[in-house]
Amino acid sequence: MKQCTHAEALPHPEPVPLGETCPECLRDGTDPVQLRLCLTCGHVGCCDSSPNRHATEHYRETGHPVMRTAEPGEDWRWCFVDHVLV
């Protein structure tokens, strides 16, 4: 079974504040479907079901490997590099 090689070394950003949204969607006037939190820097971006996929764009621009869902009641993480749930 493939495993993430990045999760153990990550800092732990604070939880996403209530009311936080994807700043790129806000700038572009689009609505995010769901939000994702970068576990390296705390950037909030929209998911791949959103029109502009800003969380994935953030990974491509920065190389920050792992994000987590920012949706209430969910606690999964995704490693972009290893393509696995963490």
Protein backbone atom coordinates (compact mmCIF):
# COMPACT_ATOMS: atom_id res chain seq x y z
CA MET A 1 0.00 0.00 0.00
CA LYS A 2 1.38 3.40 -1.00
CA GLN A 3 1.96 5.87 1.85
CA CYS A 4 2.65 9.58 2.11
CA THR A 5 6.28 10.41 2.74
CA HIS A 6 5.56 14.03 3.72
CA ALA A 7 2.94 14.11 6.49
CA GLU A 8 5.23 13.45 9.45
CA ALA A 9 7.39 16.53 8.76
CA LEU A 10 4.53 19.02 8.44
CA PRO A 11 3.88 21.91 10.79
CA HIS A 12 0.38 22.16 12.22
CA PRO A 13 -1.34 25.39 11.09
CA GLU A 14 -4.28 26.65 13.12
CA PRO A 15 -7.73 25.46 12.02
CA VAL A 16 -9.43 27.50 9.32
CA PRO A 17 -11.34 30.35 10.99
CA LEU A 18 -15.11 30.25 10.55
CA GLY A 19 -16.18 32.33 7.59
CA GLU A 20 -12.82 31.86 5.80
CA THR A 21 -13.06 31.33 2.06
CA CYS A 22 -10.79 30.82 -0.91
CA PRO A 23 -9.13 34.23 -1.49
CA GLU A 24 -8.66 33.51 -5.20
CA CYS A 25 -12.38 32.72 -5.62
CA LEU A 26 -13.21 35.91 -3.72
CA ARG A 27 -10.88 37.88 -6.01
CA ASP A 28 -12.32 36.24 -9.15
CA GLY A 29 -15.97 36.49 -8.08
CA THR A 30 -16.49 32.72 -8.13
CA ASP A 31 -17.88 30.41 -5.46
CA PRO A 32 -15.87 27.53 -3.99
CA VAL A 33 -17.59 24.14 -3.66
CA GLN A 34 -15.49 23.05 -0.67
CA LEU A 35 -12.34 24.37 0.98
CA ARG A 36 -8.91 22.84 1.51
CA LEU A 37 -6.14 23.95 3.91
CA CYS A 38 -2.46 23.73 2.99
CA LEU A 39 -0.68 22.06 5.90
CA THR A 40 2.61 23.78 5.10
CA CYS A 41 1.55 27.44 5.09
CA GLY A 42 -2.17 27.53 5.99
CA HIS A 43 -3.36 28.80 2.59
CA VAL A 44 -7.08 28.17 2.04
CA GLY A 45 -8.07 27.15 -1.48
CA CYS A 46 -11.07 25.64 -3.21
CA CYS A 47 -11.34 21.95 -4.06
CA ASP A 48 -11.05 20.27 -7.45
CA SER A 49 -14.86 20.27 -7.79
CA SER A 50 -14.72 24.08 -7.83
CA PRO A 51 -14.35 25.84 -11.19
CA ASN A 52 -10.76 27.02 -10.66
CA ARG A 53 -9.26 24.30 -8.40
CA HIS A 54 -7.22 26.81 -6.37
CA ALA A 55 -5.94 24.30 -3.78
CA THR A 56 -4.34 22.24 -6.56
CA GLU A 57 -3.07 25.44 -8.22
CA HIS A 58 -1.46 26.39 -4.88
CA TYR A 59 0.32 23.02 -4.77
CA ARG A 60 1.58 23.44 -8.35
CA GLU A 61 2.90 26.93 -7.61
CA THR A 62 4.50 26.17 -4.22
CA GLY A 63 5.18 22.44 -4.08
CA HIS A 64 3.53 22.26 -0.64
CA PRO A 65 2.72 18.55 -0.55
CA VAL A 66 -0.22 17.96 1.82
CA MET A 67 -3.58 19.62 2.33
CA ARG A 68 -6.53 18.76 4.51
CA THR A 69 -10.20 19.30 4.10
CA ALA A 70 -11.49 22.44 5.78
CA GLU A 71 -15.06 21.17 5.79
CA PRO A 72 -16.81 20.85 9.16
CA GLY A 73 -17.02 17.26 10.37
CA GLU A 74 -14.32 16.00 7.97
CA ASP A 75 -10.71 15.25 8.90
CA TRP A 76 -8.98 13.65 5.91
CA ARG A 77 -5.74 14.82 4.29
CA TRP A 78 -4.40 14.43 0.75
CA CYS A 79 -0.78 14.23 -0.41
CA PHE A 80 -0.44 15.75 -3.88
CA VAL A 81 3.03 14.26 -4.39
CA ASP A 82 2.26 10.67 -3.43
CA HIS A 83 -1.39 10.79 -4.58
CA VAL A 84 -2.73 9.17 -1.39
CA LEU A 85 -5.08 9.93 1.46
CA VAL A 86 -3.13 10.51 4.66
